[in-house]
Each structure stands twice: as C-alpha cells, then as structure tokens.
Amino acid sequence: TLVSVSADALAKDLVANYAAPQLMAGAGLIAVTIGLLMSLAGSRDIVLKTGAPGRVALRSMLGAISTVGFFLAYRELPFAEMFPFIAILPVFAAVLSGPILKERIGLAVWIALAFGMTGMFFLFPDGIPGVTRGHMFGLGASLTGAASIVLSRGICRSHTHAFAQVFYAQMACAVLGLLLLPLVWKPMQTQDMGLLALYTLFLLATRWLMVMVVRLIPAHVALQIGNIQFVWMVLVGHFVFGEPTGANVWVGAGLVIASGLWLVQAQRRAQTSEGKRRSAAAA
C-alpha cells in the first residue's frame, strides 16, 4: 500500500505541471522498454504470449482510459479524496462481472454497491452542486478500471501471464499518449523525467507486489490490508500537499471500506457454504 500511494503521490505531483497524455506516453514507453528487455533476456512467453489477444486488447484500452481518468482526477481533487474512487473498484468489478463474465450477481453485491455509493455521496456535502469535473473523472476511471479488472479475471483462464497483461496495458497507455502528445507537449525538466521514471517503477512494483501478495495470503485478507492505503493518503495529502481532510471524506471512505469488507465476507460465506454442500453431496 505504501508503494502504491508513493506512485499516486508522484502522479499527482507530475500532473500538476504536465498533461496526462504526456505522462502516459513517457511512463508507458519506459514500461514497454523494460518489458522488451525482459523478453530479450529470455522471458518472451511471460511478457508477450497471450491466449486471448482480443480480450487483452480491450482490457488494455479500458486500462488506458482509466489511467487518463485517474490522472485528470488527481489534478482536480485533494489526494485523500481520491481514495473512495480506488476503494470502490472491487465493488464495481463484482457488479460488472454479471454482464461481462455472465456471473450471477447476488444480493450481497447490491448491498455492497449501496454502501459504496452512499460513501461516495459523502464526498459532496453541498449536494449535486458540489460535484466537480474531478469527481466525474474519478467515477469514470473507477468504472473503466473495474471493467478492466473483470476482463483480467477472464484472461487469466487463457494461459496469459500476469506480466503480459501489465505489458500490453502499458503499451496501450503509450500509444494513446503518443497519439495525443502533439496537442499537449511541454518540455520536461531533467528532475521531472527522473520522477516520471520513478513513478513507472513504483507502478510496476505495485502490480508485481499485488500478484505476490495474493499468492501468499487469501485475497479477502489482501483486500482488507489494502484499506490501510487511506491512512497513507491522508498523511501524504496533509504533509506533502498541505491538504486538510474533512470529516465527510472520513465518513465516505469508511462506508466505501465497509462495502468492500461486506462483499468479501459475503463471498467467503458463500464459498464455505458451497464447499460444505459439495462435501455433503459427495458423502
């Protein structure tokens, strides 16, 4: 969570001075270069091979759109206020698994969505007039990011390595950024180029660590540990960006966290009940 927040803080710092497409192009090119070097070093199947090229392409496109949305939201919103848009991703993913993967959406998913959306409303203490472009960017980024996550679950069944999904997602970011780059190009200082490279390394490290974590501990435990990220974001927002965190953000984040915990625990109970049913049937 600390590595992830570090990447987010660097993104917020950079997007204050450079347009999102320029940052996407730079970070994407760095990530693609790392992937190609790994491929040349003997990891070609891990980096490039996929059993579902169409779905990988769609996932990569959605991931690139989500990246643009998060960059734009970071530019507009206080750092800690971004947490609910990140934390609600698993809930949106559970809802989207129905139309995308044809999975049954249980009552627990809708209850979790209700909790999460209530938490999101707490970000707008002034009601609808309090909704800004940043909030719309964040919501759009969450929805497209969740769709990308759901597609990733399906792609994992097609003998596609996790790093290949990361590689093609970064390639999509690089392509989209390069297409828009002539419209927003601004010369980068050497220091900012170094920060962009560091951001890319933090981003790749976060995704690699996530894969390692879910191999070592159950996913529901990993998701609950991930909630610590809100504390880091409040601290970074206060001490690095000088941003206060209002009580409404704490309440909203708490409800979004509760929605994720409810969903995870409900899924655990459902899996346990299904396991007992199958054992009884086998006996």
C-alpha atoms as a PDB file:
ATOM      1  CA  THR A   1       0.000   0.000   0.000  1.00  0.00           C
ATOM      2  CA  LEU A   2       2.877   2.381   0.728  1.00  0.00           C
ATOM      3  CA  VAL A   3       4.454   1.704  -2.677  1.00  0.00           C
ATOM      4  CA  SER A   4       1.085   2.238  -4.348  1.00  0.00           C
ATOM      5  CA  VAL A   5       0.484   5.540  -2.547  1.00  0.00           C
ATOM      6  CA  SER A   6       4.007   6.651  -3.469  1.00  0.00           C
ATOM      7  CA  ALA A   7       3.171   6.087  -7.140  1.00  0.00           C
ATOM      8  CA  ASP A   8      -0.102   8.020  -6.726  1.00  0.00           C
ATOM      9  CA  ALA A   9       1.685  10.914  -4.994  1.00  0.00           C
ATOM     10  CA  LEU A  10       4.226  11.141  -7.806  1.00  0.00           C
ATOM     11  CA  ALA A  11       1.383  11.097 -10.346  1.00  0.00           C
ATOM     12  CA  LYS A  12      -0.395  13.953  -8.538  1.00  0.00           C
ATOM     13  CA  ASP A  13       2.822  15.959  -8.371  1.00  0.00           C
ATOM     14  CA  LEU A  14       3.621  15.464 -12.049  1.00  0.00           C
ATOM     15  CA  VAL A  15       0.121  16.051 -13.400  1.00  0.00           C
ATOM     16  CA  ALA A  16       0.130  19.498 -11.799  1.00  0.00           C
ATOM     17  CA  ASN A  17       2.687  20.577 -14.428  1.00  0.00           C
ATOM     18  CA  TYR A  18       2.216  18.209 -17.380  1.00  0.00           C
ATOM     19  CA  ALA A  19      -0.793  16.920 -19.309  1.00  0.00           C
ATOM     20  CA  ALA A  20      -1.966  13.357 -18.698  1.00  0.00           C
ATOM     21  CA  PRO A  21      -1.196  12.122 -22.268  1.00  0.00           C
ATOM     22  CA  GLN A  22       2.426  13.263 -21.967  1.00  0.00           C
ATOM     23  CA  LEU A  23       2.865  11.424 -18.667  1.00  0.00           C
ATOM     24  CA  MET A  24       1.135   8.328 -20.055  1.00  0.00           C
ATOM     25  CA  ALA A  25       3.365   8.316 -23.127  1.00  0.00           C
ATOM     26  CA  GLY A  26       6.525   8.670 -21.062  1.00  0.00           C
ATOM     27  CA  ALA A  27       5.617   6.121 -18.393  1.00  0.00           C
ATOM     28  CA  GLY A  28       4.245   3.717 -20.998  1.00  0.00           C
ATOM     29  CA  LEU A  29       7.395   3.858 -23.103  1.00  0.00           C
ATOM     30  CA  ILE A  30       9.569   3.216 -20.042  1.00  0.00           C
ATOM     31  CA  ALA A  31       7.422   0.226 -19.023  1.00  0.00           C
ATOM     32  CA  VAL A  32       7.361  -1.190 -22.570  1.00  0.00           C
ATOM     33  CA  THR A  33      11.152  -0.841 -22.802  1.00  0.00           C
ATOM     34  CA  ILE A  34      11.531  -2.782 -19.553  1.00  0.00           C
ATOM     35  CA  GLY A  35       9.210  -5.479 -20.896  1.00  0.00           C
ATOM     36  CA  LEU A  36      11.082  -5.772 -24.193  1.00  0.00           C
ATOM     37  CA  LEU A  37      14.408  -6.024 -22.357  1.00  0.00           C
ATOM     38  CA  MET A  38      12.936  -8.836 -20.246  1.00  0.00           C
ATOM     39  CA  SER A  39      11.751 -10.513 -23.445  1.00  0.00           C
ATOM     40  CA  LEU A  40      15.224 -10.320 -24.989  1.00  0.00           C
ATOM     41  CA  ALA A  41      16.674 -11.736 -21.760  1.00  0.00           C
ATOM     42  CA  GLY A  42      14.669 -14.938 -22.189  1.00  0.00           C
ATOM     43  CA  SER A  43      11.220 -14.109 -20.781  1.00  0.00           C
ATOM     44  CA  ARG A  44       9.452 -13.796 -24.131  1.00  0.00           C
ATOM     45  CA  ASP A  45       6.497 -16.052 -23.249  1.00  0.00           C
ATOM     46  CA  ILE A  46       5.946 -14.290 -19.906  1.00  0.00           C
ATOM     47  CA  VAL A  47       5.962 -10.824 -21.491  1.00  0.00           C
ATOM     48  CA  LEU A  48       4.436 -11.271 -24.942  1.00  0.00           C
ATOM     49  CA  LYS A  49       2.428 -14.505 -25.115  1.00  0.00           C
ATOM     50  CA  THR A  50      -1.357 -14.362 -24.731  1.00  0.00           C
ATOM     51  CA  GLY A  51      -4.121 -16.851 -25.387  1.00  0.00           C
ATOM     52  CA  ALA A  52      -6.787 -14.157 -25.697  1.00  0.00           C
ATOM     53  CA  PRO A  53      -5.476 -11.313 -27.890  1.00  0.00           C
ATOM     54  CA  GLY A  54      -8.900  -9.711 -28.427  1.00  0.00           C
ATOM     55  CA  ARG A  55      -9.754  -9.522 -24.731  1.00  0.00           C
ATOM     56  CA  VAL A  56      -6.224  -8.376 -23.886  1.00  0.00           C
ATOM     57  CA  ALA A  57      -6.592  -5.545 -26.418  1.00  0.00           C
ATOM     58  CA  LEU A  58      -9.969  -4.498 -24.960  1.00  0.00           C
ATOM     59  CA  ARG A  59      -8.647  -4.706 -21.389  1.00  0.00           C
ATOM     60  CA  SER A  60      -5.613  -2.629 -22.348  1.00  0.00           C
ATOM     61  CA  MET A  61      -7.790   0.037 -23.985  1.00  0.00           C
ATOM     62  CA  LEU A  62     -10.040   0.261 -20.917  1.00  0.00           C
ATOM     63  CA  GLY A  63      -6.981   0.411 -18.677  1.00  0.00           C
ATOM     64  CA  ALA A  64      -5.569   3.300 -20.711  1.00  0.00           C
ATOM     65  CA  ILE A  65      -8.867   5.215 -20.484  1.00  0.00           C
ATOM     66  CA  SER A  66      -8.942   4.572 -16.729  1.00  0.00           C
ATOM     67  CA  THR A  67      -5.380   5.861 -16.405  1.00  0.00           C
ATOM     68  CA  VAL A  68      -6.336   9.109 -18.163  1.00  0.00           C
ATOM     69  CA  GLY A  69      -9.308   9.484 -15.827  1.00  0.00           C
ATOM     70  CA  PHE A  70      -7.248   8.963 -12.678  1.00  0.00           C
ATOM     71  CA  PHE A  71      -4.554  11.405 -13.862  1.00  0.00           C
ATOM     72  CA  LEU A  72      -7.200  14.069 -14.512  1.00  0.00           C
ATOM     73  CA  ALA A  73      -8.921  13.371 -11.190  1.00  0.00           C
ATOM     74  CA  TYR A  74      -5.619  13.685  -9.312  1.00  0.00           C
ATOM     75  CA  ARG A  75      -5.168  17.094 -10.892  1.00  0.00           C
ATOM     76  CA  GLU A  76      -8.603  18.290  -9.733  1.00  0.00           C
ATOM     77  CA  LEU A  77      -9.148  16.641  -6.322  1.00  0.00           C
ATOM     78  CA  PRO A  78      -7.419  16.572  -2.918  1.00  0.00           C
ATOM     79  CA  PHE A  79      -5.224  13.489  -2.526  1.00  0.00           C
ATOM     80  CA  ALA A  80      -7.220  11.727   0.243  1.00  0.00           C
ATOM     81  CA  GLU A  81     -10.493  12.372  -1.605  1.00  0.00           C
ATOM     82  CA  MET A  82      -9.283  10.042  -4.357  1.00  0.00           C
ATOM     83  CA  PHE A  83      -9.346   7.015  -2.038  1.00  0.00           C
ATOM     84  CA  PRO A  84     -13.095   6.210  -2.362  1.00  0.00           C
ATOM     85  CA  PHE A  85     -12.732   6.010  -6.146  1.00  0.00           C
ATOM     86  CA  ILE A  86      -9.908   3.484  -5.686  1.00  0.00           C
ATOM     87  CA  ALA A  87     -11.548   1.520  -2.861  1.00  0.00           C
ATOM     88  CA  ILE A  88     -14.840   1.045  -4.715  1.00  0.00           C
ATOM     89  CA  LEU A  89     -13.125  -0.678  -7.648  1.00  0.00           C
ATOM     90  CA  PRO A  90     -13.741  -4.244  -6.288  1.00  0.00           C
ATOM     91  CA  VAL A  91     -17.445  -3.471  -5.777  1.00  0.00           C
ATOM     92  CA  PHE A  92     -17.833  -2.118  -9.306  1.00  0.00           C
ATOM     93  CA  ALA A  93     -15.923  -5.183 -10.549  1.00  0.00           C
ATOM     94  CA  ALA A  94     -18.376  -7.514  -8.771  1.00  0.00           C
ATOM     95  CA  VAL A  95     -21.321  -5.732 -10.410  1.00  0.00           C
ATOM     96  CA  LEU A  96     -19.718  -5.744 -13.876  1.00  0.00           C
ATOM     97  CA  SER A  97     -18.852  -9.457 -13.619  1.00  0.00           C
ATOM     98  CA  GLY A  98     -22.506 -10.127 -14.469  1.00  0.00           C
ATOM     99  CA  PRO A  99     -22.693  -8.577 -17.944  1.00  0.00           C
ATOM    100  CA  ILE A 100     -19.030  -9.231 -18.810  1.00  0.00           C
ATOM    101  CA  LEU A 101     -18.387 -12.754 -17.439  1.00  0.00           C
ATOM    102  CA  LYS A 102     -22.032 -13.861 -17.226  1.00  0.00           C
ATOM    103  CA  GLU A 103     -21.660 -14.480 -13.489  1.00  0.00           C
ATOM    104  CA  ARG A 104     -24.638 -14.369 -11.143  1.00  0.00           C
ATOM    105  CA  ILE A 105     -24.819 -11.141  -9.136  1.00  0.00           C
ATOM    106  CA  GLY A 106     -26.039 -11.968  -5.628  1.00  0.00           C
ATOM    107  CA  LEU A 107     -27.861  -9.778  -3.127  1.00  0.00           C
ATOM    108  CA  ALA A 108     -24.585  -9.181  -1.236  1.00  0.00           C
ATOM    109  CA  VAL A 109     -23.134  -7.410  -4.277  1.00  0.00           C
ATOM    110  CA  TRP A 110     -26.056  -4.984  -4.470  1.00  0.00           C
ATOM    111  CA  ILE A 111     -25.859  -4.304  -0.712  1.00  0.00           C
ATOM    112  CA  ALA A 112     -22.127  -3.622  -1.068  1.00  0.00           C
ATOM    113  CA  LEU A 113     -22.812  -1.295  -4.006  1.00  0.00           C
ATOM    114  CA  ALA A 114     -25.412   0.587  -1.936  1.00  0.00           C
ATOM    115  CA  PHE A 115     -22.915   1.035   0.916  1.00  0.00           C
ATOM    116  CA  GLY A 116     -20.206   2.156  -1.508  1.00  0.00           C
ATOM    117  CA  MET A 117     -22.358   4.642  -3.388  1.00  0.00           C
ATOM    118  CA  THR A 118     -23.619   6.091  -0.082  1.00  0.00           C
ATOM    119  CA  GLY A 119     -19.993   6.613   0.855  1.00  0.00           C
ATOM    120  CA  MET A 120     -19.381   8.359  -2.448  1.00  0.00           C
ATOM    121  CA  PHE A 121     -22.255  10.780  -1.753  1.00  0.00           C
ATOM    122  CA  PHE A 122     -20.481  11.909   1.412  1.00  0.00           C
ATOM    123  CA  LEU A 123     -17.835  13.463  -0.839  1.00  0.00           C
ATOM    124  CA  PHE A 124     -20.483  16.040  -1.816  1.00  0.00           C
ATOM    125  CA  PRO A 125     -21.613  17.734   1.428  1.00  0.00           C
ATOM    126  CA  ASP A 126     -23.125  20.530  -0.685  1.00  0.00           C
ATOM    127  CA  GLY A 127     -25.190  18.101  -2.750  1.00  0.00           C
ATOM    128  CA  ILE A 128     -25.223  17.965  -6.556  1.00  0.00           C
ATOM    129  CA  PRO A 129     -23.660  21.468  -6.910  1.00  0.00           C
ATOM    130  CA  GLY A 130     -20.612  20.059  -5.113  1.00  0.00           C
ATOM    131  CA  VAL A 131     -19.933  17.563  -7.908  1.00  0.00           C
ATOM    132  CA  THR A 132     -16.901  18.682  -9.915  1.00  0.00           C
ATOM    133  CA  ARG A 133     -15.130  17.566 -13.061  1.00  0.00           C
ATOM    134  CA  GLY A 134     -12.628  15.791 -10.846  1.00  0.00           C
ATOM    135  CA  HIS A 135     -15.350  13.633  -9.303  1.00  0.00           C
ATOM    136  CA  MET A 136     -16.688  12.723 -12.738  1.00  0.00           C
ATOM    137  CA  PHE A 137     -13.196  11.845 -13.932  1.00  0.00           C
ATOM    138  CA  GLY A 138     -12.695   9.691 -10.816  1.00  0.00           C
ATOM    139  CA  LEU A 139     -16.003   7.874 -11.284  1.00  0.00           C
ATOM    140  CA  GLY A 140     -15.298   7.224 -14.964  1.00  0.00           C
ATOM    141  CA  ALA A 141     -11.812   5.971 -14.103  1.00  0.00           C
ATOM    142  CA  SER A 142     -13.264   3.611 -11.470  1.00  0.00           C
ATOM    143  CA  LEU A 143     -15.844   2.149 -13.852  1.00  0.00           C
ATOM    144  CA  THR A 144     -13.428   1.587 -16.738  1.00  0.00           C
ATOM    145  CA  GLY A 145     -10.776   0.312 -14.323  1.00  0.00           C
ATOM    146  CA  ALA A 146     -13.262  -2.153 -12.827  1.00  0.00           C
ATOM    147  CA  ALA A 147     -14.207  -3.388 -16.307  1.00  0.00           C
ATOM    148  CA  SER A 148     -10.502  -3.890 -16.999  1.00  0.00           C
ATOM    149  CA  ILE A 149     -10.150  -5.900 -13.769  1.00  0.00           C
ATOM    150  CA  VAL A 150     -13.096  -8.139 -14.670  1.00  0.00           C
ATOM    151  CA  LEU A 151     -11.678  -8.794 -18.139  1.00  0.00           C
ATOM    152  CA  SER A 152      -8.358  -9.631 -16.481  1.00  0.00           C
ATOM    153  CA  ARG A 153     -10.070 -12.405 -14.493  1.00  0.00           C
ATOM    154  CA  GLY A 154     -11.320 -13.951 -17.714  1.00  0.00           C
ATOM    155  CA  ILE A 155      -7.964 -13.532 -19.440  1.00  0.00           C
ATOM    156  CA  CYS A 156      -6.197 -15.375 -16.590  1.00  0.00           C
ATOM    157  CA  ARG A 157      -8.038 -18.522 -17.690  1.00  0.00           C
ATOM    158  CA  SER A 158      -6.447 -18.338 -21.151  1.00  0.00           C
ATOM    159  CA  HIS A 159      -2.810 -19.111 -20.219  1.00  0.00           C
ATOM    160  CA  THR A 160      -1.767 -15.458 -20.248  1.00  0.00           C
ATOM    161  CA  HIS A 161       0.898 -14.474 -17.707  1.00  0.00           C
ATOM    162  CA  ALA A 162       0.076 -11.596 -15.342  1.00  0.00           C
ATOM    163  CA  PHE A 163       3.060  -9.572 -16.568  1.00  0.00           C
ATOM    164  CA  ALA A 164       1.831  -9.871 -20.170  1.00  0.00           C
ATOM    165  CA  GLN A 165      -1.378  -8.130 -19.123  1.00  0.00           C
ATOM    166  CA  VAL A 166       0.668  -5.371 -17.482  1.00  0.00           C
ATOM    167  CA  PHE A 167       2.914  -5.086 -20.556  1.00  0.00           C
ATOM    168  CA  TYR A 168       0.070  -4.702 -23.069  1.00  0.00           C
ATOM    169  CA  ALA A 169      -1.817  -2.311 -20.763  1.00  0.00           C
ATOM    170  CA  GLN A 170       1.261  -0.081 -20.601  1.00  0.00           C
ATOM    171  CA  MET A 171       1.669  -0.354 -24.365  1.00  0.00           C
ATOM    172  CA  ALA A 172      -1.909   0.893 -24.802  1.00  0.00           C
ATOM    173  CA  CYS A 173      -1.147   3.826 -22.464  1.00  0.00           C
ATOM    174  CA  ALA A 174       1.963   4.642 -24.507  1.00  0.00           C
ATOM    175  CA  VAL A 175       0.068   4.509 -27.832  1.00  0.00           C
ATOM    176  CA  LEU A 176      -2.830   6.663 -26.568  1.00  0.00           C
ATOM    177  CA  GLY A 177      -0.410   9.121 -25.011  1.00  0.00           C
ATOM    178  CA  LEU A 178       1.686   9.369 -28.180  1.00  0.00           C
ATOM    179  CA  LEU A 179      -1.408   9.985 -30.321  1.00  0.00           C
ATOM    180  CA  LEU A 180      -2.378  12.958 -28.157  1.00  0.00           C
ATOM    181  CA  LEU A 181       1.159  14.120 -27.404  1.00  0.00           C
ATOM    182  CA  PRO A 182       1.414  16.719 -30.234  1.00  0.00           C
ATOM    183  CA  LEU A 183      -1.558  18.562 -28.689  1.00  0.00           C
ATOM    184  CA  VAL A 184      -0.127  18.824 -25.175  1.00  0.00           C
ATOM    185  CA  TRP A 185       3.666  18.516 -25.448  1.00  0.00           C
ATOM    186  CA  LYS A 186       5.665  20.531 -22.953  1.00  0.00           C
ATOM    187  CA  PRO A 187       9.455  20.197 -22.482  1.00  0.00           C
ATOM    188  CA  MET A 188      10.246  18.259 -19.299  1.00  0.00           C
ATOM    189  CA  GLN A 189      12.944  19.215 -16.859  1.00  0.00           C
ATOM    190  CA  THR A 190      15.559  16.569 -16.042  1.00  0.00           C
ATOM    191  CA  GLN A 191      14.286  16.303 -12.473  1.00  0.00           C
ATOM    192  CA  ASP A 192      10.728  15.644 -13.667  1.00  0.00           C
ATOM    193  CA  MET A 193      11.948  12.988 -16.106  1.00  0.00           C
ATOM    194  CA  GLY A 194      13.580  11.260 -13.148  1.00  0.00           C
ATOM    195  CA  LEU A 195      10.313  11.484 -11.175  1.00  0.00           C
ATOM    196  CA  LEU A 196       8.425  10.016 -14.139  1.00  0.00           C
ATOM    197  CA  ALA A 197      10.846   7.078 -14.303  1.00  0.00           C
ATOM    198  CA  LEU A 198      10.464   6.586 -10.539  1.00  0.00           C
ATOM    199  CA  TYR A 199       6.671   6.694 -10.885  1.00  0.00           C
ATOM    200  CA  THR A 200       6.828   3.980 -13.546  1.00  0.00           C
ATOM    201  CA  LEU A 201       8.992   1.753 -11.353  1.00  0.00           C
ATOM    202  CA  PHE A 202       6.629   2.234  -8.398  1.00  0.00           C
ATOM    203  CA  LEU A 203       3.671   1.426 -10.646  1.00  0.00           C
ATOM    204  CA  LEU A 204       5.231  -1.798 -11.922  1.00  0.00           C
ATOM    205  CA  ALA A 205       6.361  -2.733  -8.411  1.00  0.00           C
ATOM    206  CA  THR A 206       2.827  -2.235  -7.077  1.00  0.00           C
ATOM    207  CA  ARG A 207       1.325  -4.573  -9.656  1.00  0.00           C
ATOM    208  CA  TRP A 208       4.044  -7.194  -9.120  1.00  0.00           C
ATOM    209  CA  LEU A 209       3.620  -6.996  -5.326  1.00  0.00           C
ATOM    210  CA  MET A 210      -0.133  -7.460  -5.680  1.00  0.00           C
ATOM    211  CA  VAL A 211       0.450 -10.708  -7.577  1.00  0.00           C
ATOM    212  CA  MET A 212       2.925 -11.891  -4.918  1.00  0.00           C
ATOM    213  CA  VAL A 213       0.628 -10.954  -2.031  1.00  0.00           C
ATOM    214  CA  VAL A 214      -2.387 -12.899  -3.309  1.00  0.00           C
ATOM    215  CA  ARG A 215      -0.135 -15.925  -3.799  1.00  0.00           C
ATOM    216  CA  LEU A 216       0.884 -15.807  -0.117  1.00  0.00           C
ATOM    217  CA  ILE A 217      -2.373 -14.828   1.628  1.00  0.00           C
ATOM    218  CA  PRO A 218      -6.077 -15.126   0.758  1.00  0.00           C
ATOM    219  CA  ALA A 219      -7.481 -12.392  -1.464  1.00  0.00           C
ATOM    220  CA  HIS A 220     -10.020 -11.290   1.172  1.00  0.00           C
ATOM    221  CA  VAL A 221      -7.162 -10.645   3.633  1.00  0.00           C
ATOM    222  CA  ALA A 222      -5.206  -8.737   0.976  1.00  0.00           C
ATOM    223  CA  LEU A 223      -8.216  -6.503   0.270  1.00  0.00           C
ATOM    224  CA  GLN A 224      -8.633  -5.683   3.963  1.00  0.00           C
ATOM    225  CA  ILE A 225      -4.929  -4.823   4.278  1.00  0.00           C
ATOM    226  CA  GLY A 226      -5.362  -2.575   1.246  1.00  0.00           C
ATOM    227  CA  ASN A 227      -7.672  -0.324   3.262  1.00  0.00           C
ATOM    228  CA  ILE A 228      -4.581   0.956   5.096  1.00  0.00           C
ATOM    229  CA  GLN A 229      -3.963   2.956   1.924  1.00  0.00           C
ATOM    230  CA  PHE A 230      -6.495   5.565   3.071  1.00  0.00           C
ATOM    231  CA  VAL A 231      -4.353   6.369   6.121  1.00  0.00           C
ATOM    232  CA  TRP A 232      -1.272   6.800   3.917  1.00  0.00           C
ATOM    233  CA  MET A 233      -3.226   9.056   1.548  1.00  0.00           C
ATOM    234  CA  VAL A 234      -4.439  11.266   4.406  1.00  0.00           C
ATOM    235  CA  LEU A 235      -0.887  11.588   5.766  1.00  0.00           C
ATOM    236  CA  VAL A 236       0.649  12.289   2.347  1.00  0.00           C
ATOM    237  CA  GLY A 237      -2.131  14.744   1.486  1.00  0.00           C
ATOM    238  CA  HIS A 238      -1.551  16.612   4.760  1.00  0.00           C
ATOM    239  CA  PHE A 239       2.240  16.644   4.999  1.00  0.00           C
ATOM    240  CA  VAL A 240       3.224  16.658   1.296  1.00  0.00           C
ATOM    241  CA  PHE A 241       0.423  18.599  -0.396  1.00  0.00           C
ATOM    242  CA  GLY A 242      -0.837  20.589   2.607  1.00  0.00           C
ATOM    243  CA  GLU A 243      -4.434  19.436   2.119  1.00  0.00           C
ATOM    244  CA  PRO A 244      -6.923  19.124   5.010  1.00  0.00           C
ATOM    245  CA  THR A 245      -9.169  16.069   5.150  1.00  0.00           C
ATOM    246  CA  GLY A 246     -12.748  16.873   6.133  1.00  0.00           C
ATOM    247  CA  ALA A 247     -14.969  14.663   8.294  1.00  0.00           C
ATOM    248  CA  ASN A 248     -17.159  13.924   5.261  1.00  0.00           C
ATOM    249  CA  VAL A 249     -14.186  12.285   3.497  1.00  0.00           C
ATOM    250  CA  TRP A 250     -13.505  10.095   6.561  1.00  0.00           C
ATOM    251  CA  VAL A 251     -17.166   9.019   6.714  1.00  0.00           C
ATOM    252  CA  GLY A 252     -17.339   8.431   2.966  1.00  0.00           C
ATOM    253  CA  ALA A 253     -14.129   6.413   2.937  1.00  0.00           C
ATOM    254  CA  GLY A 254     -15.371   4.406   5.925  1.00  0.00           C
ATOM    255  CA  LEU A 255     -18.581   3.454   4.112  1.00  0.00           C
ATOM    256  CA  VAL A 256     -16.701   2.514   0.951  1.00  0.00           C
ATOM    257  CA  ILE A 257     -14.315   0.370   3.027  1.00  0.00           C
ATOM    258  CA  ALA A 258     -17.323  -1.219   4.753  1.00  0.00           C
ATOM    259  CA  SER A 259     -18.839  -2.054   1.361  1.00  0.00           C
ATOM    260  CA  GLY A 260     -15.687  -3.875   0.310  1.00  0.00           C
ATOM    261  CA  LEU A 261     -15.433  -5.771   3.604  1.00  0.00           C
ATOM    262  CA  TRP A 262     -19.106  -6.759   3.396  1.00  0.00           C
ATOM    263  CA  LEU A 263     -18.639  -8.048  -0.139  1.00  0.00           C
ATOM    264  CA  VAL A 264     -15.509 -10.048   0.720  1.00  0.00           C
ATOM    265  CA  GLN A 265     -17.060 -11.634   3.819  1.00  0.00           C
ATOM    266  CA  ALA A 266     -20.261 -12.465   1.930  1.00  0.00           C
ATOM    267  CA  GLN A 267     -18.232 -14.147  -0.811  1.00  0.00           C
ATOM    268  CA  ARG A 268     -16.295 -16.119   1.824  1.00  0.00           C
ATOM    269  CA  ARG A 269     -19.527 -17.343   3.426  1.00  0.00           C
ATOM    270  CA  ALA A 270     -20.929 -18.306   0.028  1.00  0.00           C
ATOM    271  CA  GLN A 271     -17.780 -20.255  -0.851  1.00  0.00           C
ATOM    272  CA  THR A 272     -17.810 -22.030   2.538  1.00  0.00           C
ATOM    273  CA  SER A 273     -21.469 -22.970   2.137  1.00  0.00           C
ATOM    274  CA  GLU A 274     -20.838 -24.231  -1.393  1.00  0.00           C
ATOM    275  CA  GLY A 275     -17.871 -26.302  -0.174  1.00  0.00           C
ATOM    276  CA  LYS A 276     -19.955 -27.880   2.590  1.00  0.00           C
ATOM    277  CA  ARG A 277     -22.768 -28.617   0.137  1.00  0.00           C
ATOM    278  CA  ARG A 278     -20.415 -30.356  -2.271  1.00  0.00           C
ATOM    279  CA  SER A 279     -18.821 -32.350   0.551  1.00  0.00           C
ATOM    280  CA  ALA A 280     -22.228 -33.459   1.758  1.00  0.00           C
ATOM    281  CA  ALA A 281     -23.248 -34.438  -1.774  1.00  0.00           C
ATOM    282  CA  ALA A 282     -20.012 -36.401  -2.263  1.00  0.00           C
ATOM    283  CA  ALA A 283     -20.567 -38.223   1.057  1.00  0.00           C
END
